[in-house]
PDB file of all heavy atoms in Angstrom:
ATOM      1  N   PRO A   1       0.807  -1.223   0.000  1.00  0.00           N
ATOM      2  CA  PRO A   1       0.000   0.000   0.000  1.00  0.00           C
ATOM      3  C   PRO A   1       0.841   1.275   0.000  1.00  0.00           C
ATOM      4  O   PRO A   1       0.358   2.332  -0.425  1.00  0.00           O
ATOM      5  CB  PRO A   1      -0.844  -0.115   1.269  1.00  0.00           C
ATOM      6  CG  PRO A   1      -0.237  -1.194   2.070  1.00  0.00           C
ATOM      7  CD  PRO A   1       0.545  -2.060   1.150  1.00  0.00           C
ATOM      8  N   ALA A   2       2.070   1.198   0.430  1.00  0.00           N
ATOM      9  CA  ALA A   2       2.943   2.379   0.388  1.00  0.00           C
ATOM     10  C   ALA A   2       3.165   2.841  -1.045  1.00  0.00           C
ATOM     11  O   ALA A   2       3.394   4.030  -1.289  1.00  0.00           O
ATOM     12  CB  ALA A   2       4.280   2.071   1.063  1.00  0.00           C
ATOM     13  N   GLU A   3       3.077   1.929  -1.999  1.00  0.00           N
ATOM     14  CA  GLU A   3       3.226   2.306  -3.403  1.00  0.00           C
ATOM     15  C   GLU A   3       2.015   3.106  -3.886  1.00  0.00           C
ATOM     16  O   GLU A   3       2.164   4.048  -4.672  1.00  0.00           O
ATOM     17  CB  GLU A   3       3.441   1.066  -4.265  1.00  0.00           C
ATOM     18  CG  GLU A   3       4.785   0.400  -3.995  1.00  0.00           C
ATOM     19  CD  GLU A   3       5.012  -0.820  -4.854  1.00  0.00           C
ATOM     20  OE1 GLU A   3       4.589  -0.819  -6.030  1.00  0.00           O
ATOM     21  OE2 GLU A   3       5.622  -1.780  -4.348  1.00  0.00           O
ATOM     22  N   ALA A   4       0.824   2.755  -3.416  1.00  0.00           N
ATOM     23  CA  ALA A   4      -0.373   3.534  -3.764  1.00  0.00           C
ATOM     24  C   ALA A   4      -0.248   4.943  -3.184  1.00  0.00           C
ATOM     25  O   ALA A   4      -0.603   5.932  -3.847  1.00  0.00           O
ATOM     26  CB  ALA A   4      -1.631   2.844  -3.240  1.00  0.00           C
ATOM     27  N   LEU A   5       0.266   5.043  -1.977  1.00  0.00           N
ATOM     28  CA  LEU A   5       0.486   6.351  -1.356  1.00  0.00           C
ATOM     29  C   LEU A   5       1.524   7.152  -2.136  1.00  0.00           C
ATOM     30  O   LEU A   5       1.324   8.332  -2.408  1.00  0.00           O
ATOM     31  CB  LEU A   5       0.940   6.172   0.095  1.00  0.00           C
ATOM     32  CG  LEU A   5       1.259   7.433   0.872  1.00  0.00           C
ATOM     33  CD1 LEU A   5       0.028   8.323   0.990  1.00  0.00           C
ATOM     34  CD2 LEU A   5       1.798   7.076   2.244  1.00  0.00           C
ATOM     35  N   ALA A   6       2.608   6.508  -2.528  1.00  0.00           N
ATOM     36  CA  ALA A   6       3.660   7.189  -3.293  1.00  0.00           C
ATOM     37  C   ALA A   6       3.137   7.665  -4.650  1.00  0.00           C
ATOM     38  O   ALA A   6       3.521   8.742  -5.124  1.00  0.00           O
ATOM     39  CB  ALA A   6       4.861   6.272  -3.477  1.00  0.00           C
ATOM     40  N   ASP A   7       2.254   6.886  -5.265  1.00  0.00           N
ATOM     41  CA  ASP A   7       1.658   7.291  -6.546  1.00  0.00           C
ATOM     42  C   ASP A   7       0.802   8.550  -6.386  1.00  0.00           C
ATOM     43  O   ASP A   7       0.751   9.386  -7.282  1.00  0.00           O
ATOM     44  CB  ASP A   7       0.789   6.170  -7.128  1.00  0.00           C
ATOM     45  CG  ASP A   7       1.599   4.980  -7.629  1.00  0.00           C
ATOM     46  OD1 ASP A   7       2.834   5.098  -7.739  1.00  0.00           O
ATOM     47  OD2 ASP A   7       0.972   3.934  -7.898  1.00  0.00           O
ATOM     48  N   GLU A   8       0.111   8.670  -5.269  1.00  0.00           N
ATOM     49  CA  GLU A   8      -0.784   9.804  -5.040  1.00  0.00           C
ATOM     50  C   GLU A   8      -0.038  11.037  -4.537  1.00  0.00           C
ATOM     51  O   GLU A   8      -0.531  12.160  -4.678  1.00  0.00           O
ATOM     52  CB  GLU A   8      -1.874   9.418  -4.027  1.00  0.00           C
ATOM     53  CG  GLU A   8      -2.871  10.515  -3.705  1.00  0.00           C
ATOM     54  CD  GLU A   8      -3.656  11.032  -4.895  1.00  0.00           C
ATOM     55  OE1 GLU A   8      -3.773  10.321  -5.912  1.00  0.00           O
ATOM     56  OE2 GLU A   8      -4.167  12.155  -4.812  1.00  0.00           O
ATOM     57  N   ALA A   9       1.144  10.887  -3.980  1.00  0.00           N
ATOM     58  CA  ALA A   9       1.870  11.993  -3.358  1.00  0.00           C
ATOM     59  C   ALA A   9       2.037  13.216  -4.261  1.00  0.00           C
ATOM     60  O   ALA A   9       1.802  14.346  -3.804  1.00  0.00           O
ATOM     61  CB  ALA A   9       3.219  11.516  -2.832  1.00  0.00           C
ATOM     62  N   PRO A  10       2.424  13.073  -5.538  1.00  0.00           N
ATOM     63  CA  PRO A  10       2.564  14.269  -6.376  1.00  0.00           C
ATOM     64  C   PRO A  10       1.248  15.036  -6.558  1.00  0.00           C
ATOM     65  O   PRO A  10       1.240  16.269  -6.547  1.00  0.00           O
ATOM     66  CB  PRO A  10       3.068  13.729  -7.716  1.00  0.00           C
ATOM     67  CG  PRO A  10       3.644  12.396  -7.415  1.00  0.00           C
ATOM     68  CD  PRO A  10       2.870  11.865  -6.252  1.00  0.00           C
ATOM     69  N   ASN A  11       0.136  14.312  -6.710  1.00  0.00           N
ATOM     70  CA  ASN A  11      -1.172  14.969  -6.843  1.00  0.00           C
ATOM     71  C   ASN A  11      -1.545  15.694  -5.555  1.00  0.00           C
ATOM     72  O   ASN A  11      -2.006  16.830  -5.578  1.00  0.00           O
ATOM     73  CB  ASN A  11      -2.265  13.948  -7.179  1.00  0.00           C
ATOM     74  CG  ASN A  11      -2.039  13.296  -8.505  1.00  0.00           C
ATOM     75  OD1 ASN A  11      -1.546  13.909  -9.438  1.00  0.00           O
ATOM     76  ND2 ASN A  11      -2.382  12.022  -8.592  1.00  0.00           N
ATOM     77  N   PHE A  12      -1.340  15.012  -4.434  1.00  0.00           N
ATOM     78  CA  PHE A  12      -1.641  15.605  -3.133  1.00  0.00           C
ATOM     79  C   PHE A  12      -0.839  16.884  -2.930  1.00  0.00           C
ATOM     80  O   PHE A  12      -1.380  17.921  -2.543  1.00  0.00           O
ATOM     81  CB  PHE A  12      -1.326  14.583  -2.029  1.00  0.00           C
ATOM     82  CG  PHE A  12      -1.568  15.106  -0.645  1.00  0.00           C
ATOM     83  CD1 PHE A  12      -2.849  15.130  -0.115  1.00  0.00           C
ATOM     84  CD2 PHE A  12      -0.525  15.571   0.135  1.00  0.00           C
ATOM     85  CE1 PHE A  12      -3.086  15.614   1.161  1.00  0.00           C
ATOM     86  CE2 PHE A  12      -0.744  16.050   1.406  1.00  0.00           C
ATOM     87  CZ  PHE A  12      -2.029  16.072   1.925  1.00  0.00           C
ATOM     88  N   GLU A  13       0.429  16.808  -3.227  1.00  0.00           N
ATOM     89  CA  GLU A  13       1.304  17.970  -3.061  1.00  0.00           C
ATOM     90  C   GLU A  13       0.849  19.125  -3.955  1.00  0.00           C
ATOM     91  O   GLU A  13       0.778  20.274  -3.516  1.00  0.00           O
ATOM     92  CB  GLU A  13       2.742  17.585  -3.388  1.00  0.00           C
ATOM     93  CG  GLU A  13       3.730  18.709  -3.190  1.00  0.00           C
ATOM     94  CD  GLU A  13       5.146  18.263  -3.471  1.00  0.00           C
ATOM     95  OE1 GLU A  13       5.591  17.251  -2.887  1.00  0.00           O
ATOM     96  OE2 GLU A  13       5.812  18.926  -4.288  1.00  0.00           O
ATOM     97  N   LYS A  14       0.516  18.820  -5.205  1.00  0.00           N
ATOM     98  CA  LYS A  14       0.089  19.865  -6.138  1.00  0.00           C
ATOM     99  C   LYS A  14      -1.161  20.574  -5.635  1.00  0.00           C
ATOM    100  O   LYS A  14      -1.226  21.806  -5.592  1.00  0.00           O
ATOM    101  CB  LYS A  14      -0.175  19.270  -7.521  1.00  0.00           C
ATOM    102  CG  LYS A  14      -0.676  20.303  -8.536  1.00  0.00           C
ATOM    103  CD  LYS A  14      -1.343  19.632  -9.728  1.00  0.00           C
ATOM    104  CE  LYS A  14      -1.902  20.601 -10.723  1.00  0.00           C
ATOM    105  NZ  LYS A  14      -2.878  21.544 -10.189  1.00  0.00           N
ATOM    106  N   TYR A  15      -2.174  19.808  -5.240  1.00  0.00           N
ATOM    107  CA  TYR A  15      -3.430  20.414  -4.810  1.00  0.00           C
ATOM    108  C   TYR A  15      -3.282  21.135  -3.475  1.00  0.00           C
ATOM    109  O   TYR A  15      -3.909  22.170  -3.254  1.00  0.00           O
ATOM    110  CB  TYR A  15      -4.559  19.382  -4.768  1.00  0.00           C
ATOM    111  CG  TYR A  15      -4.927  18.907  -6.155  1.00  0.00           C
ATOM    112  CD1 TYR A  15      -4.764  17.595  -6.540  1.00  0.00           C
ATOM    113  CD2 TYR A  15      -5.392  19.810  -7.094  1.00  0.00           C
ATOM    114  CE1 TYR A  15      -5.075  17.177  -7.823  1.00  0.00           C
ATOM    115  CE2 TYR A  15      -5.708  19.413  -8.389  1.00  0.00           C
ATOM    116  CZ  TYR A  15      -5.545  18.096  -8.745  1.00  0.00           C
ATOM    117  OH  TYR A  15      -5.848  17.696 -10.018  1.00  0.00           O
ATOM    118  N   LEU A  16      -2.441  20.610  -2.610  1.00  0.00           N
ATOM    119  CA  LEU A  16      -2.206  21.280  -1.340  1.00  0.00           C
ATOM    120  C   LEU A  16      -1.491  22.615  -1.578  1.00  0.00           C
ATOM    121  O   LEU A  16      -1.855  23.639  -0.981  1.00  0.00           O
ATOM    122  CB  LEU A  16      -1.388  20.392  -0.404  1.00  0.00           C
ATOM    123  CG  LEU A  16      -1.234  20.882   1.019  1.00  0.00           C
ATOM    124  CD1 LEU A  16      -2.582  21.065   1.689  1.00  0.00           C
ATOM    125  CD2 LEU A  16      -0.380  19.907   1.798  1.00  0.00           C
ATOM    126  N   LEU A  17      -0.525  22.616  -2.459  1.00  0.00           N
ATOM    127  CA  LEU A  17       0.169  23.856  -2.768  1.00  0.00           C
ATOM    128  C   LEU A  17      -0.752  24.866  -3.456  1.00  0.00           C
ATOM    129  O   LEU A  17      -0.652  26.067  -3.230  1.00  0.00           O
ATOM    130  CB  LEU A  17       1.408  23.583  -3.614  1.00  0.00           C
ATOM    131  CG  LEU A  17       2.565  22.909  -2.881  1.00  0.00           C
ATOM    132  CD1 LEU A  17       3.687  22.543  -3.837  1.00  0.00           C
ATOM    133  CD2 LEU A  17       3.078  23.780  -1.750  1.00  0.00           C
ATOM    134  N   ASP A  18      -1.685  24.377  -4.273  1.00  0.00           N
ATOM    135  CA  ASP A  18      -2.679  25.273  -4.883  1.00  0.00           C
ATOM    136  C   ASP A  18      -3.510  25.974  -3.818  1.00  0.00           C
ATOM    137  O   ASP A  18      -3.779  27.159  -3.908  1.00  0.00           O
ATOM    138  CB  ASP A  18      -3.608  24.506  -5.833  1.00  0.00           C
ATOM    139  CG  ASP A  18      -2.937  24.084  -7.134  1.00  0.00           C
ATOM    140  OD1 ASP A  18      -1.812  24.564  -7.420  1.00  0.00           O
ATOM    141  OD2 ASP A  18      -3.548  23.268  -7.856  1.00  0.00           O
ATOM    142  N   VAL A  19      -3.920  25.220  -2.789  1.00  0.00           N
ATOM    143  CA  VAL A  19      -4.715  25.788  -1.705  1.00  0.00           C
ATOM    144  C   VAL A  19      -3.901  26.793  -0.908  1.00  0.00           C
ATOM    145  O   VAL A  19      -4.400  27.845  -0.506  1.00  0.00           O
ATOM    146  CB  VAL A  19      -5.248  24.656  -0.778  1.00  0.00           C
ATOM    147  CG1 VAL A  19      -5.774  25.213   0.520  1.00  0.00           C
ATOM    148  CG2 VAL A  19      -6.310  23.845  -1.497  1.00  0.00           C
ATOM    149  N   LEU A  20      -2.644  26.484  -0.699  1.00  0.00           N
ATOM    150  CA  LEU A  20      -1.810  27.315   0.170  1.00  0.00           C
ATOM    151  C   LEU A  20      -1.036  28.406  -0.580  1.00  0.00           C
ATOM    152  O   LEU A  20      -0.293  29.161   0.047  1.00  0.00           O
ATOM    153  CB  LEU A  20      -0.813  26.429   0.917  1.00  0.00           C
ATOM    154  CG  LEU A  20      -1.434  25.359   1.801  1.00  0.00           C
ATOM    155  CD1 LEU A  20      -0.367  24.478   2.402  1.00  0.00           C
ATOM    156  CD2 LEU A  20      -2.307  25.975   2.874  1.00  0.00           C
ATOM    157  N   GLU A  21      -1.254  28.487  -1.883  1.00  0.00           N
ATOM    158  CA  GLU A  21      -0.514  29.458  -2.698  1.00  0.00           C
ATOM    159  C   GLU A  21      -0.619  30.864  -2.105  1.00  0.00           C
ATOM    160  O   GLU A  21      -1.688  31.336  -1.767  1.00  0.00           O
ATOM    161  CB  GLU A  21      -1.067  29.469  -4.122  1.00  0.00           C
ATOM    162  CG  GLU A  21      -0.255  30.319  -5.068  1.00  0.00           C
ATOM    163  CD  GLU A  21      -0.741  30.188  -6.493  1.00  0.00           C
ATOM    164  OE1 GLU A  21      -1.362  29.164  -6.842  1.00  0.00           O
ATOM    165  OE2 GLU A  21      -0.504  31.119  -7.259  1.00  0.00           O
ATOM    166  N   GLY A  22       0.510  31.481  -1.946  1.00  0.00           N
ATOM    167  CA  GLY A  22       0.562  32.832  -1.419  1.00  0.00           C
ATOM    168  C   GLY A  22       0.653  32.905   0.090  1.00  0.00           C
ATOM    169  O   GLY A  22       0.881  33.969   0.647  1.00  0.00           O
ATOM    170  N   LEU A  23       0.449  31.775   0.777  1.00  0.00           N
ATOM    171  CA  LEU A  23       0.524  31.786   2.235  1.00  0.00           C
ATOM    172  C   LEU A  23       1.877  31.357   2.779  1.00  0.00           C
ATOM    173  O   LEU A  23       2.225  31.691   3.894  1.00  0.00           O
ATOM    174  CB  LEU A  23      -0.559  30.892   2.828  1.00  0.00           C
ATOM    175  CG  LEU A  23      -1.987  31.347   2.585  1.00  0.00           C
ATOM    176  CD1 LEU A  23      -2.968  30.321   3.119  1.00  0.00           C
ATOM    177  CD2 LEU A  23      -2.225  32.700   3.234  1.00  0.00           C
ATOM    178  N   ILE A  24       2.608  30.564   1.976  1.00  0.00           N
ATOM    179  CA  ILE A  24       3.924  30.087   2.435  1.00  0.00           C
ATOM    180  C   ILE A  24       4.994  30.454   1.442  1.00  0.00           C
ATOM    181  O   ILE A  24       4.753  30.837   0.354  1.00  0.00           O
ATOM    182  CB  ILE A  24       3.932  28.561   2.703  1.00  0.00           C
ATOM    183  CG1 ILE A  24       3.340  27.781   1.543  1.00  0.00           C
ATOM    184  CG2 ILE A  24       3.198  28.254   3.969  1.00  0.00           C
ATOM    185  CD1 ILE A  24       3.390  26.285   1.716  1.00  0.00           C
TER     186      ILE A  24
END
């Protein structure tokens, strides 16, 4: 299951950074 998590990590990071854009 760690591979499924690793596959999703780039998407998670992208969307999280979109939400936080301009705050950090």
